[in-house]
Protein backbone atom coordinates (compact mmCIF):
# COMPACT_ATOMS: atom_id res chain seq x y z
CA MET A 1 9.09 -122.54 -52.97
CA SER A 2 11.67 -120.37 -51.15
CA ILE A 3 11.52 -119.73 -47.43
CA LYS A 4 12.78 -116.39 -45.97
CA ILE A 5 14.57 -116.74 -42.63
CA ASN A 6 14.88 -113.72 -40.32
CA TYR A 7 18.34 -113.46 -38.68
CA ASN A 8 16.94 -112.54 -35.29
CA ASP A 9 14.54 -115.47 -35.41
CA PHE A 10 17.40 -117.79 -36.37
CA TYR A 11 19.66 -116.37 -33.58
CA LYS A 12 16.90 -116.74 -31.02
CA ALA A 13 16.29 -120.30 -32.18
CA VAL A 14 19.97 -121.12 -31.67
CA ASN A 15 20.87 -118.93 -28.69
CA GLY A 16 17.51 -118.38 -27.09
CA GLU A 17 17.66 -114.55 -27.28
CA ASP A 18 19.02 -111.80 -29.48
CA ASP A 19 22.24 -109.83 -28.89
CA GLU A 20 20.45 -106.75 -27.66
CA LYS A 21 18.56 -108.60 -24.95
CA LYS A 22 21.67 -110.50 -23.98
CA ASP A 23 23.69 -107.29 -23.59
CA LYS A 24 20.90 -105.75 -21.53
CA LYS A 25 20.80 -108.77 -19.28
CA VAL A 26 24.56 -108.54 -18.69
CA SER A 27 24.29 -104.78 -18.09
CA ASP A 28 21.48 -105.27 -15.58
CA ALA A 29 23.42 -107.99 -13.81
CA ARG A 30 26.47 -105.73 -13.54
CA ALA A 31 24.38 -102.87 -12.16
CA GLU A 32 22.81 -105.23 -9.65
CA LEU A 33 26.27 -106.47 -8.62
CA GLU A 34 27.58 -102.96 -8.02
CA GLU A 35 24.44 -102.10 -6.05
CA LYS A 36 24.94 -105.17 -3.84
CA LEU A 37 28.64 -104.41 -3.29
CA ASN A 38 27.86 -100.80 -2.40
CA ARG A 39 25.20 -101.93 0.03
CA ILE A 40 27.66 -104.33 1.69
CA GLN A 41 30.20 -101.48 1.98
CA GLU A 42 27.57 -99.15 3.45
CA GLU A 43 26.61 -101.76 6.03
CA TYR A 44 30.26 -102.22 6.94
CA ASP A 45 30.77 -98.45 7.28
CA LYS A 46 27.84 -98.35 9.70
CA THR A 47 29.39 -100.92 12.03
CA THR A 48 30.50 -99.45 15.35
CA THR A 49 32.92 -102.17 16.46
CA ARG A 50 36.16 -103.83 15.36
CA THR A 51 36.69 -107.37 16.64
CA TYR A 52 40.08 -109.07 16.89
CA GLY A 53 39.87 -112.60 18.23
CA ASP A 54 37.66 -112.36 21.31
CA ASN A 55 38.41 -108.67 21.79
CA VAL A 56 35.75 -106.19 20.73
CA PHE A 57 36.69 -102.53 20.30
CA SER A 58 34.29 -99.68 19.74
CA LYS A 59 35.03 -97.99 16.42
CA LEU A 60 37.45 -95.16 17.04
CA VAL A 61 35.75 -91.85 16.24
CA ASP A 62 37.73 -88.65 16.62
CA LYS A 63 36.05 -85.77 18.39
CA THR A 64 35.72 -82.79 16.09
CA TYR A 65 35.51 -79.06 16.68
CA ASP A 66 34.08 -76.66 14.12
CA ALA A 67 36.50 -73.80 14.74
CA LEU A 68 35.55 -70.25 13.76
CA SER A 69 37.53 -68.64 10.98
CA ASP A 70 39.50 -65.43 11.60
CA GLU A 71 36.87 -63.54 9.60
CA GLU A 72 34.04 -64.94 11.75
CA ILE A 73 35.94 -64.12 14.93
CA GLU A 74 36.54 -60.54 13.76
CA LYS A 75 32.83 -60.12 12.99
CA ILE A 76 31.81 -61.46 16.43
CA ALA A 77 34.38 -59.21 18.15
CA LYS A 78 32.96 -56.16 16.36
CA ASP A 79 29.37 -57.22 17.05
CA ASN A 80 30.22 -57.49 20.77
CA ILE A 81 31.12 -53.80 20.75
CA SER A 82 28.17 -51.60 21.63
CA GLU A 83 28.01 -49.07 18.80
CA ARG A 84 25.42 -47.14 20.78
CA GLU A 85 27.85 -46.78 23.70
CA TRP A 86 30.64 -45.50 21.44
CA LYS A 87 28.28 -43.09 19.66
CA GLU A 88 27.18 -41.73 23.03
CA LYS A 89 30.82 -41.24 24.03
CA ALA A 90 31.46 -39.39 20.78
CA LYS A 91 28.34 -37.24 21.31
CA LYS A 92 29.47 -36.36 24.84
CA ILE A 93 32.93 -35.34 23.62
CA GLU A 94 31.34 -33.21 20.88
CA LYS A 95 28.79 -31.74 23.31
CA ASP A 96 31.51 -30.79 25.83
CA ALA A 97 33.54 -29.18 23.06
CA GLU A 98 30.50 -27.26 21.80
CA GLU A 99 29.76 -25.99 25.33
CA LYS A 100 33.36 -24.80 25.73
CA LYS A 101 33.21 -23.16 22.31
CA ASP A 102 29.92 -21.44 23.17
CA ASN A 103 31.43 -20.17 26.43
CA LEU A 104 34.43 -18.78 24.56
CA GLN A 105 32.19 -17.10 21.99
CA LYS A 106 30.11 -15.60 24.80
CA LYS A 107 33.32 -14.38 26.41
CA SER A 108 34.32 -12.86 23.08
CA GLU A 109 30.99 -11.02 22.91
CA GLU A 110 31.48 -9.82 26.49
CA ILE A 111 34.94 -8.49 25.63
CA SER A 112 33.56 -6.54 22.68
CA LYS A 113 30.63 -5.28 24.74
CA ARG A 114 32.96 -4.19 27.56
CA ALA A 115 35.17 -2.36 25.06
CA ASP A 116 32.12 -0.56 23.64
CA GLU A 117 31.04 0.42 27.15
CA GLN A 118 34.55 1.72 27.90
CA MET A 119 34.46 3.75 24.68
CA THR A 120 31.06 5.20 25.60
CA LYS A 121 32.24 6.11 29.10
CA LEU A 122 35.42 7.60 27.66
CA ASP A 123 33.34 9.77 25.32
CA GLU A 124 31.17 10.90 28.22
CA LYS A 125 34.16 11.68 30.44
CA THR A 126 35.88 13.61 27.67
CA GLU A 127 32.76 15.64 26.93
CA ASN A 128 32.23 16.32 30.63
CA ALA A 129 35.86 17.39 30.99
CA LYS A 130 35.55 19.75 28.01
CA LYS A 131 32.38 21.24 29.49
CA GLU A 132 34.19 21.88 32.77
CA VAL A 133 36.99 23.58 30.84
CA ASP A 134 34.42 25.83 29.04
CA ASP A 135 32.62 26.63 32.32
CA GLU A 136 35.88 27.53 34.03
CA ALA A 137 36.94 29.63 31.05
CA LEU A 138 33.68 31.59 31.14
CA LYS A 139 34.16 32.30 34.82
CA ARG A 140 37.64 33.57 34.13
CA GLY A 141 36.56 35.41 30.96
CA ILE A 142 38.82 33.53 28.61
CA GLY A 143 36.19 31.50 26.75
CA ARG A 144 37.99 31.28 23.37
CA SER A 145 41.57 31.75 24.41
CA SER A 146 44.44 29.56 23.21
CA ILE A 147 44.74 28.14 26.70
CA VAL A 148 41.21 26.73 26.53
CA MET A 149 41.79 25.30 23.05
CA GLU A 150 45.05 23.71 24.21
CA GLU A 151 43.31 22.07 27.20
CA LYS A 152 40.57 20.68 24.92
CA ASN A 153 43.13 19.40 22.43
CA SER A 154 44.93 17.73 25.29
CA LEU A 155 41.67 16.05 26.35
CA ASP A 156 41.04 14.86 22.77
CA GLN A 157 44.57 13.42 22.58
CA ALA A 158 44.12 11.65 25.88
CA LYS A 159 40.85 10.23 24.56
CA ILE A 160 42.56 9.00 21.38
CA ASN A 161 45.30 7.36 23.42
CA ALA A 162 42.75 5.72 25.74
CA GLU A 163 40.69 4.49 22.79
CA ALA A 164 43.79 2.98 21.22
CA GLU A 165 44.59 1.14 24.43
CA ILE A 166 40.99 -0.13 24.74
CA LEU A 167 41.02 -1.37 21.14
CA SER A 168 44.45 -2.97 21.59
CA ASN A 169 43.32 -4.82 24.71
CA GLU A 170 40.10 -5.88 22.98
CA LEU A 171 41.94 -7.22 19.92
CA SER A 172 44.47 -9.03 22.11
CA ASP A 173 41.73 -10.65 24.19
CA LEU A 174 39.73 -11.59 21.08
CA ASP A 175 42.82 -13.06 19.44
CA ASP A 176 43.42 -15.13 22.56
CA ILE A 177 39.81 -16.37 22.37
CA ASP A 178 40.24 -17.30 18.68
CA LYS A 179 43.36 -19.31 19.53
CA LYS A 180 41.52 -21.13 22.28
CA ILE A 181 38.66 -21.97 19.87
CA ALA A 182 41.17 -23.25 17.29
CA ASN A 183 42.89 -25.35 19.96
CA LEU A 184 39.52 -26.62 21.06
CA GLU A 185 38.75 -27.82 17.52
CA ASN A 186 42.13 -29.56 17.33
CA ASP A 187 41.50 -31.15 20.72
CA LEU A 188 38.11 -32.34 19.49
CA LYS A 189 39.74 -33.99 16.46
CA ASP A 190 42.34 -35.64 18.70
CA SER A 191 39.61 -36.83 21.06
CA PHE A 192 37.72 -38.49 18.18
CA GLU A 193 40.93 -40.15 16.97
CA ASN A 194 41.73 -41.36 20.49
CA LEU A 195 38.19 -42.69 20.79
CA GLU A 196 38.64 -44.69 17.59
CA ILE A 197 41.97 -46.00 18.88
CA GLU A 198 40.33 -46.99 22.15
CA LYS A 199 37.53 -48.73 20.25
CA ALA A 200 39.99 -50.57 18.00
CA ALA A 201 41.95 -51.65 21.08
CA GLU A 202 38.80 -53.10 22.65
CA ILE A 203 37.96 -54.96 19.42
CA ALA A 204 41.53 -56.31 19.29
CA LYS A 205 41.18 -57.44 22.91
CA ASN A 206 37.95 -59.26 22.05
CA ILE A 207 39.58 -60.87 18.99
CA LYS A 208 42.49 -62.12 21.10
CA ALA A 209 40.13 -63.56 23.72
CA LEU A 210 38.10 -65.38 21.05
CA LYS A 211 41.23 -66.72 19.34
CA ASP A 212 42.62 -67.89 22.67
CA GLU A 213 39.33 -69.65 23.38
CA ARG A 214 39.39 -71.24 19.89
CA GLN A 215 42.96 -72.47 20.35
CA LYS A 216 42.11 -73.85 23.79
CA LYS A 217 39.24 -75.91 22.35
CA ILE A 218 41.40 -77.09 19.44
CA ASP A 219 44.09 -78.21 21.90
CA GLU A 220 41.49 -79.97 24.07
CA VAL A 221 40.06 -81.87 21.08
CA GLU A 222 43.52 -82.84 19.81
CA ALA A 223 44.58 -83.97 23.27
CA TYR A 224 41.39 -86.05 23.63
CA ASN A 225 41.85 -87.68 20.21
CA GLU A 226 45.52 -88.35 20.84
CA LYS A 227 44.70 -90.00 24.17
CA GLN A 228 42.03 -92.13 22.48
CA ARG A 229 44.42 -93.19 19.72
CA THR A 230 47.23 -93.93 22.17
CA THR A 231 44.98 -96.00 24.43
CA ARG A 232 43.63 -97.92 21.43
CA GLN A 233 47.09 -98.45 19.93
CA ASN A 234 48.49 -99.75 23.23
CA ALA A 235 45.66 -102.28 23.44
CA LEU A 236 46.20 -103.36 19.83
CA ASN A 237 49.95 -103.65 20.39
CA ARG A 238 49.32 -106.06 23.26
CA LEU A 239 47.17 -108.22 20.95
CA ALA A 240 49.74 -108.03 18.15
CA LYS A 241 52.37 -109.41 20.51
CA LYS A 242 50.10 -112.43 20.91
CA GLY A 243 50.15 -112.96 17.14
CA ILE A 244 46.72 -111.47 16.41
CA ASP A 245 46.32 -109.44 13.19
CA VAL A 246 45.12 -106.06 14.41
CA SER A 247 44.95 -104.31 11.03
CA GLU A 248 41.63 -103.02 9.70
CA GLU A 249 41.61 -105.93 7.22
CA GLY A 250 42.17 -108.38 10.07
CA SER A 251 39.01 -107.41 11.96
CA LYS A 252 36.07 -109.83 12.06
CA GLU A 253 33.82 -107.13 10.58
CA TYR A 254 36.12 -106.52 7.59
CA ILE A 255 36.53 -110.24 6.94
CA GLU A 256 32.73 -110.68 6.96
CA ARG A 257 32.36 -107.69 4.64
CA THR A 258 34.97 -109.08 2.22
CA GLY A 259 33.47 -112.57 2.37
CA SER A 260 30.06 -111.18 1.40
CA MET A 261 31.61 -109.32 -1.52
CA VAL A 262 33.50 -112.44 -2.69
CA LYS A 263 30.22 -114.39 -2.77
CA GLU A 264 28.51 -111.70 -4.87
CA LEU A 265 31.48 -111.36 -7.24
CA TYR A 266 31.73 -115.13 -7.69
CA ALA A 267 28.01 -115.44 -8.41
CA TYR A 268 28.17 -112.63 -10.99
CA TYR A 269 31.16 -113.96 -12.93
CA LYS A 270 29.77 -117.49 -12.71
CA SER A 271 26.67 -116.21 -14.49
CA LEU A 272 28.80 -115.01 -17.41
CA GLY A 273 29.69 -118.55 -18.38
CA SER A 274 32.63 -119.00 -20.77
CA SER A 275 33.39 -115.25 -20.89
CA ALA A 276 33.92 -115.05 -17.12
CA SER A 277 37.72 -115.42 -17.21
CA LYS A 278 38.12 -112.69 -19.82
CA GLU A 279 35.78 -110.33 -17.92
CA ILE A 280 37.63 -110.91 -14.65
CA VAL A 281 40.91 -109.85 -16.25
CA LYS A 282 39.18 -106.80 -17.74
CA ASP A 283 37.70 -105.98 -14.31
CA LYS A 284 40.97 -106.44 -12.38
CA GLU A 285 41.07 -102.85 -11.11
CA PHE A 286 37.38 -102.95 -10.15
CA ILE A 287 37.76 -106.22 -8.21
CA GLU A 288 40.95 -105.11 -6.44
CA ASP A 289 39.23 -101.90 -5.37
CA LYS A 290 36.56 -103.98 -3.65
CA ILE A 291 38.47 -106.94 -2.16
CA GLY A 292 42.17 -106.23 -2.73
CA GLU A 293 44.84 -107.89 -4.86
CA ASN A 294 44.68 -111.23 -3.01
CA GLY A 295 40.91 -111.20 -3.39
CA TYR A 296 41.28 -110.68 -7.13
CA TYR A 297 43.53 -113.70 -7.53
CA TYR A 298 41.22 -115.71 -5.31
CA ILE A 299 38.23 -115.00 -7.57
CA LYS A 300 40.37 -115.60 -10.67
CA SER A 301 41.40 -119.02 -9.38
CA PHE A 302 37.83 -120.31 -9.83
CA PHE A 303 37.67 -119.56 -13.55
């Protein structure tokens, strides 16, 4: 009668558990170790003191200042400008220009109207003068003589000359008005450009003020931190002269933190049994990251 033996049953009988469960147990133990070490580190990071001998120092924490970027400063400087105020200034400039333009156009209309009135009066005067010539000619009995015709022609020529002068003066005055309107439009353009320059100058002024304020706060924070560091360093130097280790690693808190980690690391590798020494060598970088090179060799010395 043959008996079939299952390998897993045989392995369990000899070793107490199969490879898969053994690997899982080791994996769980490693995860638990790392969790414990991280928790120890977190607790150490939360400590607010550093103790050297009998001297307790509050943990040095630099003051910080969340400085605005140049882009943020530029936005604030622009936001501080009242767009409504600048739009009202622009409207006033445009309104003043429009009023001046309207006045010039009205003046132009008045010039043309006055010229028309002068022409009408000139026509009336010429006609009246001709009538007087005809009346006088009838009295003298020379109604259609060459003398009468010559006097009328002379009146017509004088009228033509007067009309030409009226038109010339009108055109000259109108041309002057057109030039003034053109200059007014150029002045309006210049006024808008100057307004933009003035606005840009005010924004630049605001930007400079904000940057100066930012730099002042940065300098204040740096000066405060430097004073804190200098005061702390002077105190540590006095202890160092007495032979006290004032490095971070020499503090009571760090030593306690490292001691706790050494205990956890020792317990973990102890649980690995005969493979502990090999695993420690494999984990050299991991161990040194937690407790330093000396700590690594200290752990290694137990296995």
